[in-house]
C-alpha atoms as a PDB file:
ATOM      1  CA  MET A   1       4.686  19.531  12.715  1.00  0.00           C
ATOM      2  CA  TRP A   2       5.187  17.298  15.766  1.00  0.00           C
ATOM      3  CA  ARG A   3       1.434  16.998  16.236  1.00  0.00           C
ATOM      4  CA  ALA A   4       1.000  15.957  12.616  1.00  0.00           C
ATOM      5  CA  LEU A   5       3.711  13.337  13.062  1.00  0.00           C
ATOM      6  CA  ARG A   6       2.026  12.061  16.219  1.00  0.00           C
ATOM      7  CA  TRP A   7      -1.370  11.827  14.484  1.00  0.00           C
ATOM      8  CA  SER A   8       0.179  10.054  11.514  1.00  0.00           C
ATOM      9  CA  LEU A   9       1.896   7.510  13.735  1.00  0.00           C
ATOM     10  CA  GLN A  10      -1.356   7.035  15.626  1.00  0.00           C
ATOM     11  CA  GLY A  11      -3.107   6.301  12.309  1.00  0.00           C
ATOM     12  CA  ILE A  12      -0.464   3.760  11.359  1.00  0.00           C
ATOM     13  CA  ARG A  13      -0.722   2.167  14.803  1.00  0.00           C
ATOM     14  CA  GLU A  14      -4.523   1.892  14.497  1.00  0.00           C
ATOM     15  CA  ALA A  15      -4.274   0.443  10.989  1.00  0.00           C
ATOM     16  CA  TRP A  16      -1.792  -2.128  12.286  1.00  0.00           C
ATOM     17  CA  ARG A  17      -4.058  -3.003  15.199  1.00  0.00           C
ATOM     18  CA  LEU A  18      -7.334  -3.202  13.266  1.00  0.00           C
ATOM     19  CA  GLU A  19      -6.575  -4.027   9.629  1.00  0.00           C
ATOM     20  CA  SER A  20      -5.229  -7.468   8.724  1.00  0.00           C
ATOM     21  CA  SER A  21      -4.693  -6.376   5.106  1.00  0.00           C
ATOM     22  CA  PHE A  22      -2.445  -3.539   6.273  1.00  0.00           C
ATOM     23  CA  ARG A  23      -0.426  -5.929   8.450  1.00  0.00           C
ATOM     24  CA  LEU A  24       0.030  -8.317   5.513  1.00  0.00           C
ATOM     25  CA  GLU A  25       1.179  -5.483   3.266  1.00  0.00           C
ATOM     26  CA  VAL A  26       3.636  -4.298   5.942  1.00  0.00           C
ATOM     27  CA  TYR A  27       5.045  -7.843   6.134  1.00  0.00           C
ATOM     28  CA  LEU A  28       5.463  -7.835   2.352  1.00  0.00           C
ATOM     29  CA  PHE A  29       7.145  -4.437   2.586  1.00  0.00           C
ATOM     30  CA  ALA A  30       9.507  -5.781   5.250  1.00  0.00           C
ATOM     31  CA  VAL A  31      10.563  -8.588   2.889  1.00  0.00           C
ATOM     32  CA  LEU A  32      10.645  -6.635  -0.353  1.00  0.00           C
ATOM     33  CA  ALA A  33      12.167  -3.328   0.830  1.00  0.00           C
ATOM     34  CA  PRO A  34      15.580  -4.841   1.596  1.00  0.00           C
ATOM     35  CA  LEU A  35      15.433  -6.642  -1.762  1.00  0.00           C
ATOM     36  CA  ALA A  36      14.696  -3.326  -3.464  1.00  0.00           C
ATOM     37  CA  LEU A  37      17.766  -1.793  -1.868  1.00  0.00           C
ATOM     38  CA  LEU A  38      19.856  -4.834  -2.760  1.00  0.00           C
ATOM     39  CA  LEU A  39      18.621  -5.362  -6.332  1.00  0.00           C
ATOM     40  CA  GLY A  40      18.050  -1.801  -7.475  1.00  0.00           C
ATOM     41  CA  GLN A  41      20.917  -0.403  -9.485  1.00  0.00           C
ATOM     42  CA  GLY A  42      21.392   3.175  -8.434  1.00  0.00           C
ATOM     43  CA  GLY A  43      19.210   5.528  -6.492  1.00  0.00           C
ATOM     44  CA  LEU A  44      16.476   5.883  -9.079  1.00  0.00           C
ATOM     45  CA  GLN A  45      15.763   2.160  -9.376  1.00  0.00           C
ATOM     46  CA  LYS A  46      15.831   1.746  -5.620  1.00  0.00           C
ATOM     47  CA  ALA A  47      13.432   4.670  -5.201  1.00  0.00           C
ATOM     48  CA  VAL A  48      11.038   3.316  -7.842  1.00  0.00           C
ATOM     49  CA  LEU A  49      11.006  -0.164  -6.308  1.00  0.00           C
ATOM     50  CA  LEU A  50      10.502   1.176  -2.780  1.00  0.00           C
ATOM     51  CA  GLY A  51       8.024   3.801  -3.937  1.00  0.00           C
ATOM     52  CA  SER A  52       5.784   1.217  -5.551  1.00  0.00           C
ATOM     53  CA  LEU A  53       5.598  -0.605  -2.210  1.00  0.00           C
ATOM     54  CA  LEU A  54       4.885   2.561  -0.241  1.00  0.00           C
ATOM     55  CA  LEU A  55       2.028   3.450  -2.594  1.00  0.00           C
ATOM     56  CA  VAL A  56       0.283   0.201  -1.674  1.00  0.00           C
ATOM     57  CA  LEU A  57       0.568   1.026   2.026  1.00  0.00           C
ATOM     58  CA  ALA A  58      -0.759   4.543   1.473  1.00  0.00           C
ATOM     59  CA  ALA A  59      -3.706   3.264  -0.566  1.00  0.00           C
ATOM     60  CA  GLU A  60      -4.504   0.671   2.103  1.00  0.00           C
ATOM     61  CA  LEU A  61      -4.528   3.396   4.752  1.00  0.00           C
ATOM     62  CA  LEU A  62      -6.913   5.483   2.627  1.00  0.00           C
ATOM     63  CA  ASN A  63      -9.100   2.456   1.938  1.00  0.00           C
ATOM     64  CA  SER A  64      -9.262   1.698   5.656  1.00  0.00           C
ATOM     65  CA  ALA A  65     -10.164   5.325   6.370  1.00  0.00           C
ATOM     66  CA  ILE A  66     -13.015   5.176   3.850  1.00  0.00           C
ATOM     67  CA  GLU A  67     -14.305   1.968   5.420  1.00  0.00           C
ATOM     68  CA  ALA A  68     -14.106   3.469   8.919  1.00  0.00           C
ATOM     69  CA  VAL A  69     -16.177   6.479   7.860  1.00  0.00           C
ATOM     70  CA  ILE A  70     -18.723   4.214   6.191  1.00  0.00           C
ATOM     71  CA  GLU A  71     -19.006   2.027   9.297  1.00  0.00           C
ATOM     72  CA  ARG A  72     -19.560   5.159  11.402  1.00  0.00           C
ATOM     73  CA  TYR A  73     -22.878   5.684   9.651  1.00  0.00           C
ATOM     74  CA  GLY A  74     -24.151   2.135  10.041  1.00  0.00           C
ATOM     75  CA  ALA A  75     -23.710  -1.354   8.715  1.00  0.00           C
ATOM     76  CA  GLU A  76     -26.898  -1.513   6.633  1.00  0.00           C
ATOM     77  CA  HIS A  77     -26.330  -2.277   2.978  1.00  0.00           C
ATOM     78  CA  HIS A  78     -26.534   0.561   0.497  1.00  0.00           C
ATOM     79  CA  GLU A  79     -25.451   0.559  -3.132  1.00  0.00           C
ATOM     80  CA  LEU A  80     -23.172   3.575  -2.653  1.00  0.00           C
ATOM     81  CA  VAL A  81     -21.533   2.017   0.402  1.00  0.00           C
ATOM     82  CA  GLY A  82     -20.752  -1.126  -1.556  1.00  0.00           C
ATOM     83  CA  ARG A  83     -19.455   0.928  -4.452  1.00  0.00           C
ATOM     84  CA  ALA A  84     -17.170   3.001  -2.208  1.00  0.00           C
ATOM     85  CA  LYS A  85     -15.740  -0.088  -0.516  1.00  0.00           C
ATOM     86  CA  ASP A  86     -15.222  -1.863  -3.840  1.00  0.00           C
ATOM     87  CA  MET A  87     -13.500   1.154  -5.363  1.00  0.00           C
ATOM     88  CA  GLY A  88     -11.200   1.524  -2.356  1.00  0.00           C
ATOM     89  CA  SER A  89     -10.280  -2.127  -2.642  1.00  0.00           C
ATOM     90  CA  ALA A  90      -9.765  -1.746  -6.392  1.00  0.00           C
ATOM     91  CA  ALA A  91      -7.351   1.146  -5.795  1.00  0.00           C
ATOM     92  CA  VAL A  92      -5.204  -1.086  -3.584  1.00  0.00           C
ATOM     93  CA  PHE A  93      -5.365  -3.857  -6.188  1.00  0.00           C
ATOM     94  CA  VAL A  94      -4.276  -1.519  -9.001  1.00  0.00           C
ATOM     95  CA  LEU A  95      -1.296  -0.388  -6.940  1.00  0.00           C
ATOM     96  CA  MET A  96      -0.391  -4.015  -6.243  1.00  0.00           C
ATOM     97  CA  LEU A  97      -0.362  -4.546 -10.002  1.00  0.00           C
ATOM     98  CA  ASN A  98       1.874  -1.494 -10.187  1.00  0.00           C
ATOM     99  CA  VAL A  99       4.317  -3.224  -7.816  1.00  0.00           C
ATOM    100  CA  ILE A 100       4.390  -6.330 -10.000  1.00  0.00           C
ATOM    101  CA  PHE A 101       4.862  -4.420 -13.263  1.00  0.00           C
ATOM    102  CA  THR A 102       7.430  -2.055 -11.765  1.00  0.00           C
ATOM    103  CA  TRP A 103       9.516  -4.861 -10.321  1.00  0.00           C
ATOM    104  CA  LEU A 104       9.301  -6.854 -13.557  1.00  0.00           C
ATOM    105  CA  LEU A 105      10.262  -3.885 -15.722  1.00  0.00           C
ATOM    106  CA  VAL A 106      13.188  -2.968 -13.490  1.00  0.00           C
ATOM    107  CA  LEU A 107      14.526  -6.442 -12.721  1.00  0.00           C
ATOM    108  CA  LEU A 108      13.550  -8.674 -15.655  1.00  0.00           C
ATOM    109  CA  PRO A 109      15.996  -7.162 -18.175  1.00  0.00           C
ATOM    110  CA  ARG A 110      18.862  -8.232 -15.938  1.00  0.00           C
ATOM    111  CA  CYS A 111      17.520 -11.758 -15.682  1.00  0.00           C
ATOM    112  CA  VAL A 112      17.198 -12.196 -19.439  1.00  0.00           C
ATOM    113  CA  GLY A 113      20.387 -10.367 -20.269  1.00  0.00           C
ATOM    114  CA  GLY A 114      18.769  -7.281 -21.756  1.00  0.00           C
END
């Protein structure tokens, strides 16, 4: 279990060092996570708000892993390489939309009195 933790932390460290998108998403998490804890009413809302943010980070890590494997085999263009990179990016984008919709659905009713 300790080895798995060490490898996981090493992966996060490498993503931080090499991936500007991951760093940006961590900065957003650092801003939004305290807001989630402050604005969420009860444990479930707080968990949903935080969970939506964590999903983006997880998807970015997976996307970066896919890109690293692709780069291992060369930088020449191939249709499948482009497709894999685009789909990885799309997964992150979909989860960013999930953050927006989740936060709106949880917080908007309070703003409009519903």
